[in-house]
Amino acid sequence: MTAHRLRSARSAALVVLLVSACARAPEPPRYLLESPPASRDLVGKLAFHQTRAEDTLIDLAPELGVGYVELLAANPGVDPWLPGETRLTVPAARLLPSGKREGIVVNTGDLHLYYFAKDAAPRAYPIGIAKDGYATPLGVTVVKAKKEKPTWVPGESAHRDDPTLANAIPPGPTNPLGEYALYLGWPSYLIHGTNLPAGVGRHSSRGCIRLYPADIEQLYASVALGTPVRVVNEPVKLGWIAGELYLEVNPDEDQSLELDENGKLDAVRPPKALRELVLRAAGKEAKRVDWALVERAGQKRIGVPTRITTPTSVARGD
């Protein structure tokens, strides 16, 4: 091959490489929580989803396995009804609530139920809880009974809201308990499925705890009678991942209701006593806390765990 032909071949090959490189879409940035290291304080992993023009967040939430309100919180500024073509944050990485990790822990502060089975990784499920004017009780109880294809016996408040209700609703598509129910030591309060999945991850019940149909089926098969149930309200959670302290700040009760009803927040308030919570969790590593990151997470309340410590090597000047 002559020198001229060799130069021409090399030039052609270079053009092909450049065109190929330009044709490939740039890789989106990766975050630690997309493939997190093992941590006793974390369940799940962060994900992203590219929407289409016809999508709505209320339809996407069940498809993505997250709740509607948490999807709104994680994507501030996105119109829930007309999101357009955008890259959504799917907040499926959750720090675990504080306190004893056994049985079922329900956190109304992040609209999730956590199940801690012996010798197994914890699981997290989005839940629907009490709507405005009602309350999901806080405290400790146990699973007293289990029922597949339960009959719903409407209480006084249900009859007050709808006087046409029958005294008992048999299993079927009109039964709001869905296919499975766990009866608690608190009369009238259940953990159950639903015939309306769009109500999960929202303030949609008269106090009961609703799960997506697939989630309640899995939980029902795992939970034994006598399983302890603890219900807490912790919109702020902290935990350690790979030697770094992470902070997860969710909307408080009023903000969560506002998101549910309006699809957006007019104003976001930082949590009270946030500094004290961070200092308690940081312990002897408090000097590594980046308070600007803490303040930012508290202001945004997006419900996504955020690193708030300076890595050890940086803190030491390595």
Foldseek 3Di string as FASTA:
>chain_A
DDPVVVVVVVVVVVVVVVVVVVPDDDDDDDDCQQPFDDFLFKDFGKDKDWDAQQAALLVVQVVLQHASLLQLLQDAPQQRRGNHTDIGIDQGMATDADDDQAAWEAAPLQQWIWGDDPPDRIDIHHKAFAAPPAEADFFKWWQADKDFQDKDQDDPVVCVVPVVDDRIHGRDLVGQQHGIWTDIPDPPEIEGEGSDQSRTNANDDRHHIYGHPVVVVVVRVVDDGGGMYGYYHPQWDWGDGPRFIWIFHAAHPVQSNCCRVPVHDPAAAFDPPQVVVVCVVCPPVVVQFAVVVSVVNRRSRSRHIDTGGDDPCVVVVD
